[in-house]
Amino acid sequence: MILVEGDYHPLTYSEKNIQLNGVVKSKFAKLTDRYKNITYVPRKTISEFTDSDFRDGYHVHKRVGLEFTKELLEYLDNRAGRERN
């Protein structure tokens, strides 16, 4: 299983969702320690979105989504290569 930490529209950050994100990150870390078949991809591993990357409050533009997907696949491929060695 692959858990990819999501990203917020930069204008929607608040103290509450930052705190909630910390709780979720902690739970994800515990899951990956407990279950070796879970891969957690932290938000900072992949390029973070900027205000102009979003087409609305929740969705990124198609080009940005494709770039994100490419980076994510490269990250996972590199990680798998390191784990095989």
N, C-alpha and C. Protein backbone atom coordinates (compact mmCIF):
# COMPACT_ATOMS: atom_id res chain seq x y z
N MET A 1 0.84 -1.14 0.00
CA MET A 1 0.00 0.00 0.00
C MET A 1 0.90 1.23 0.00
N ILE A 2 0.50 2.23 -0.75
CA ILE A 2 1.25 3.48 -0.80
C ILE A 2 0.37 4.60 -0.27
N LEU A 3 0.84 5.27 0.77
CA LEU A 3 0.15 6.43 1.34
C LEU A 3 0.89 7.68 0.92
N VAL A 4 0.25 8.52 0.15
CA VAL A 4 0.87 9.76 -0.31
C VAL A 4 0.22 10.91 0.45
N GLU A 5 1.04 11.63 1.21
CA GLU A 5 0.52 12.76 1.97
C GLU A 5 0.02 13.83 1.01
N GLY A 6 -1.19 14.28 1.22
CA GLY A 6 -1.78 15.29 0.35
C GLY A 6 -1.25 16.68 0.60
N ASP A 7 -1.72 17.60 -0.19
CA ASP A 7 -1.32 18.99 -0.08
C ASP A 7 -2.56 19.86 -0.06
N TYR A 8 -2.49 20.95 0.64
CA TYR A 8 -3.58 21.91 0.71
C TYR A 8 -3.33 23.06 -0.24
N HIS A 9 -4.40 23.70 -0.66
CA HIS A 9 -4.25 24.97 -1.37
C HIS A 9 -3.59 25.92 -0.36
N PRO A 10 -2.53 26.63 -0.77
CA PRO A 10 -1.81 27.49 0.18
C PRO A 10 -2.69 28.48 0.93
N LEU A 11 -3.78 28.92 0.34
CA LEU A 11 -4.64 29.89 1.01
C LEU A 11 -5.54 29.26 2.07
N THR A 12 -5.58 27.93 2.13
CA THR A 12 -6.46 27.27 3.10
C THR A 12 -5.74 26.79 4.35
N TYR A 13 -4.44 27.01 4.45
CA TYR A 13 -3.73 26.57 5.65
C TYR A 13 -4.26 27.31 6.86
N SER A 14 -4.47 26.55 7.91
CA SER A 14 -4.88 27.13 9.19
C SER A 14 -4.16 26.37 10.29
N GLU A 15 -4.19 26.91 11.47
CA GLU A 15 -3.55 26.23 12.60
C GLU A 15 -4.17 24.85 12.82
N LYS A 16 -5.49 24.75 12.64
CA LYS A 16 -6.18 23.46 12.87
C LYS A 16 -5.75 22.40 11.87
N ASN A 17 -5.69 22.75 10.56
CA ASN A 17 -5.32 21.69 9.62
C ASN A 17 -3.84 21.37 9.69
N ILE A 18 -3.02 22.29 10.14
CA ILE A 18 -1.59 21.99 10.35
C ILE A 18 -1.45 21.01 11.52
N GLN A 19 -2.21 21.23 12.60
CA GLN A 19 -2.19 20.30 13.74
C GLN A 19 -2.72 18.92 13.33
N LEU A 20 -3.82 18.90 12.59
CA LEU A 20 -4.39 17.64 12.14
C LEU A 20 -3.39 16.89 11.25
N ASN A 21 -2.70 17.62 10.39
CA ASN A 21 -1.70 17.00 9.53
C ASN A 21 -0.61 16.35 10.37
N GLY A 22 -0.21 16.97 11.46
CA GLY A 22 0.79 16.38 12.35
C GLY A 22 0.30 15.08 12.97
N VAL A 23 -0.96 15.03 13.36
CA VAL A 23 -1.55 13.81 13.92
C VAL A 23 -1.56 12.70 12.87
N VAL A 24 -1.98 13.03 11.67
CA VAL A 24 -2.05 12.04 10.59
C VAL A 24 -0.65 11.52 10.26
N LYS A 25 0.33 12.43 10.16
CA LYS A 25 1.71 12.00 9.88
C LYS A 25 2.20 11.01 10.93
N SER A 26 1.90 11.28 12.17
CA SER A 26 2.32 10.40 13.26
C SER A 26 1.68 9.02 13.11
N LYS A 27 0.41 8.99 12.77
CA LYS A 27 -0.29 7.71 12.58
C LYS A 27 0.27 6.95 11.37
N PHE A 28 0.59 7.68 10.30
CA PHE A 28 1.19 7.04 9.12
C PHE A 28 2.54 6.44 9.49
N ALA A 29 3.34 7.16 10.27
CA ALA A 29 4.65 6.65 10.67
C ALA A 29 4.50 5.36 11.47
N LYS A 30 3.53 5.31 12.36
CA LYS A 30 3.30 4.09 13.15
C LYS A 30 2.88 2.93 12.25
N LEU A 31 2.04 3.23 11.25
CA LEU A 31 1.62 2.18 10.33
C LEU A 31 2.79 1.61 9.54
N THR A 32 3.68 2.49 9.06
CA THR A 32 4.81 2.01 8.26
C THR A 32 5.80 1.25 9.12
N ASP A 33 5.90 1.58 10.42
CA ASP A 33 6.76 0.82 11.31
C ASP A 33 6.17 -0.57 11.58
N ARG A 34 4.87 -0.63 11.67
CA ARG A 34 4.21 -1.88 12.01
C ARG A 34 4.05 -2.82 10.82
N TYR A 35 3.74 -2.24 9.65
CA TYR A 35 3.48 -3.04 8.45
C TYR A 35 4.50 -2.70 7.37
N LYS A 36 5.33 -3.64 7.05
CA LYS A 36 6.42 -3.39 6.09
C LYS A 36 5.94 -3.26 4.65
N ASN A 37 4.69 -3.61 4.38
CA ASN A 37 4.17 -3.49 3.02
C ASN A 37 3.48 -2.14 2.77
N ILE A 38 3.66 -1.20 3.71
CA ILE A 38 3.11 0.15 3.55
C ILE A 38 4.25 1.11 3.30
N THR A 39 4.12 1.88 2.24
CA THR A 39 5.09 2.92 1.92
C THR A 39 4.41 4.26 2.12
N TYR A 40 5.05 5.11 2.91
CA TYR A 40 4.52 6.46 3.16
C TYR A 40 5.39 7.46 2.41
N VAL A 41 4.75 8.30 1.62
CA VAL A 41 5.45 9.33 0.85
C VAL A 41 5.10 10.68 1.47
N PRO A 42 6.03 11.28 2.23
CA PRO A 42 5.77 12.59 2.83
C PRO A 42 5.60 13.68 1.76
N ARG A 43 4.82 14.67 2.09
CA ARG A 43 4.54 15.76 1.16
C ARG A 43 5.82 16.42 0.65
N LYS A 44 6.78 16.61 1.51
CA LYS A 44 8.00 17.33 1.12
C LYS A 44 8.92 16.52 0.21
N THR A 45 8.60 15.23 0.02
CA THR A 45 9.39 14.39 -0.87
C THR A 45 9.17 14.77 -2.34
N ILE A 46 7.96 15.21 -2.63
CA ILE A 46 7.56 15.60 -3.99
C ILE A 46 7.36 17.11 -3.97
N SER A 47 7.53 17.75 -5.10
CA SER A 47 7.35 19.20 -5.17
C SER A 47 6.02 19.62 -4.57
N GLU A 48 6.06 20.68 -3.78
CA GLU A 48 4.82 21.20 -3.19
C GLU A 48 4.13 22.11 -4.19
N PHE A 49 2.82 22.15 -4.10
CA PHE A 49 2.03 22.98 -5.00
C PHE A 49 2.04 24.44 -4.56
N THR A 50 1.97 25.33 -5.53
CA THR A 50 1.85 26.75 -5.25
C THR A 50 0.42 27.19 -5.54
N ASP A 51 0.11 28.40 -5.17
CA ASP A 51 -1.23 28.95 -5.39
C ASP A 51 -1.64 28.84 -6.86
N SER A 52 -0.72 29.14 -7.76
CA SER A 52 -1.05 29.14 -9.19
C SER A 52 -1.20 27.73 -9.77
N ASP A 53 -0.78 26.70 -9.02
CA ASP A 53 -0.93 25.32 -9.49
C ASP A 53 -2.38 24.84 -9.41
N PHE A 54 -3.18 25.50 -8.58
CA PHE A 54 -4.57 25.08 -8.36
C PHE A 54 -5.52 25.74 -9.34
N ARG A 55 -6.47 24.96 -9.83
CA ARG A 55 -7.51 25.53 -10.71
C ARG A 55 -8.72 25.99 -9.91
N ASP A 56 -8.82 25.47 -8.67
CA ASP A 56 -9.85 25.91 -7.73
C ASP A 56 -9.31 25.65 -6.33
N GLY A 57 -10.16 25.59 -5.35
CA GLY A 57 -9.70 25.41 -3.98
C GLY A 57 -9.16 24.04 -3.65
N TYR A 58 -9.37 23.06 -4.54
CA TYR A 58 -9.00 21.68 -4.23
C TYR A 58 -8.20 20.97 -5.31
N HIS A 59 -8.39 21.33 -6.56
CA HIS A 59 -7.84 20.57 -7.68
C HIS A 59 -6.74 21.35 -8.38
N VAL A 60 -5.68 20.61 -8.76
CA VAL A 60 -4.60 21.26 -9.50
C VAL A 60 -4.90 21.17 -11.00
N HIS A 61 -4.22 22.02 -11.75
CA HIS A 61 -4.35 21.98 -13.21
C HIS A 61 -3.81 20.65 -13.73
N LYS A 62 -4.31 20.21 -14.86
CA LYS A 62 -3.94 18.91 -15.43
C LYS A 62 -2.42 18.80 -15.59
N ARG A 63 -1.77 19.81 -16.13
CA ARG A 63 -0.32 19.79 -16.35
C ARG A 63 0.41 19.56 -15.02
N VAL A 64 -0.04 20.24 -13.97
CA VAL A 64 0.60 20.12 -12.66
C VAL A 64 0.39 18.70 -12.10
N GLY A 65 -0.81 18.16 -12.28
CA GLY A 65 -1.09 16.80 -11.83
C GLY A 65 -0.22 15.77 -12.53
N LEU A 66 -0.01 15.97 -13.83
CA LEU A 66 0.85 15.06 -14.58
C LEU A 66 2.30 15.15 -14.13
N GLU A 67 2.77 16.37 -13.84
CA GLU A 67 4.14 16.55 -13.34
C GLU A 67 4.29 15.89 -11.97
N PHE A 68 3.28 16.07 -11.11
CA PHE A 68 3.30 15.45 -9.79
C PHE A 68 3.37 13.93 -9.92
N THR A 69 2.55 13.38 -10.79
CA THR A 69 2.52 11.92 -11.00
C THR A 69 3.88 11.41 -11.47
N LYS A 70 4.49 12.14 -12.39
CA LYS A 70 5.82 11.74 -12.88
C LYS A 70 6.84 11.74 -11.74
N GLU A 71 6.84 12.79 -10.92
CA GLU A 71 7.77 12.85 -9.78
C GLU A 71 7.50 11.72 -8.80
N LEU A 72 6.23 11.44 -8.53
CA LEU A 72 5.88 10.38 -7.60
C LEU A 72 6.37 9.03 -8.12
N LEU A 73 6.14 8.75 -9.39
CA LEU A 73 6.58 7.47 -9.96
C LEU A 73 8.11 7.36 -9.93
N GLU A 74 8.82 8.45 -10.21
CA GLU A 74 10.28 8.43 -10.14
C GLU A 74 10.74 8.16 -8.70
N TYR A 75 10.10 8.81 -7.74
CA TYR A 75 10.44 8.58 -6.33
C TYR A 75 10.24 7.12 -5.96
N LEU A 76 9.09 6.56 -6.32
CA LEU A 76 8.79 5.16 -5.97
C LEU A 76 9.74 4.20 -6.68
N ASP A 77 10.07 4.49 -7.93
CA ASP A 77 11.00 3.65 -8.68
C ASP A 77 12.38 3.67 -8.03
N ASN A 78 12.86 4.86 -7.65
CA ASN A 78 14.16 4.97 -6.99
C ASN A 78 14.15 4.26 -5.64
N ARG A 79 13.08 4.41 -4.92
CA ARG A 79 12.96 3.75 -3.61
C ARG A 79 12.99 2.23 -3.76
N ALA A 80 12.25 1.73 -4.75
CA ALA A 80 12.22 0.28 -4.99
C ALA A 80 13.60 -0.21 -5.37
N GLY A 81 14.35 0.57 -6.16
CA GLY A 81 15.70 0.19 -6.54
C GLY A 81 16.62 0.11 -5.34
N ARG A 82 16.50 1.05 -4.41
CA ARG A 82 17.32 1.04 -3.19
C ARG A 82 16.97 -0.16 -2.31
N GLU A 83 15.69 -0.50 -2.25
CA GLU A 83 15.28 -1.62 -1.40
C GLU A 83 15.73 -2.96 -1.97
N ARG A 84 15.87 -3.04 -3.30
CA ARG A 84 16.33 -4.29 -3.92
C ARG A 84 17.82 -4.51 -3.69
N ASN A 85 18.56 -3.44 -3.53
CA ASN A 85 20.03 -3.55 -3.38
C ASN A 85 20.45 -3.83 -1.97
